[in-house]
Amino acid sequence: MLIHSELLRLCVNEVADLIADYYARTNAQEGIPPLMIHWPFFLKLEKKHSLLLYTAREDTKLVGVNMYLLMLHPQHYGMKTAICNTLGVNPDYRGRGIATDLVKYAEKHLVAYGVKMIVHGHRSIYKVEPLFPKLGFVETERMYTKVL
């Protein structure tokens, strides 16, 4: 398994297909509006150096993605923060530690970008213990969603 960073603009169709497949074959869609990703938005962020993509590939097949939005934290002036927008692994490859490897790889590389804080969410619909506490993350907030 090869974990590395890639430019979204060079693999956006593969990433879109993986995410669509993930949402179709898991309960990730539960409780939220239908998936309609606006890829030009993410490509624009990448062009502004505000998006980083990490991928997992078996040979050339994309099997996992981890995408971060980079920003200065609005409540902690000057603290560069990476907010995970997407962490997903092809359901056929789950349980192999790929998500863990993606997060660990990203963490090492985000430091080089001056990131001081990484934020990950965990959807409560997943009936598993989140991997983040095992990687040293602490729960600091809970988010609540209401679709109107």
Foldseek 3Di string as FASTA:
>chain_A
DDKDWDQCVVCVVLVVVQVVQQVVPDVPCPPHDDDDDPVVVVNVQVVVVQKIKMFDDDPNRTFWIWMWGWDQDPVDGPAIETETPDTDGRPVPPPPCPSVVNVVVVVVVVVVVVHDYYHYDDDPVPPDDDCVVVVVDDDDDDDDDDDD
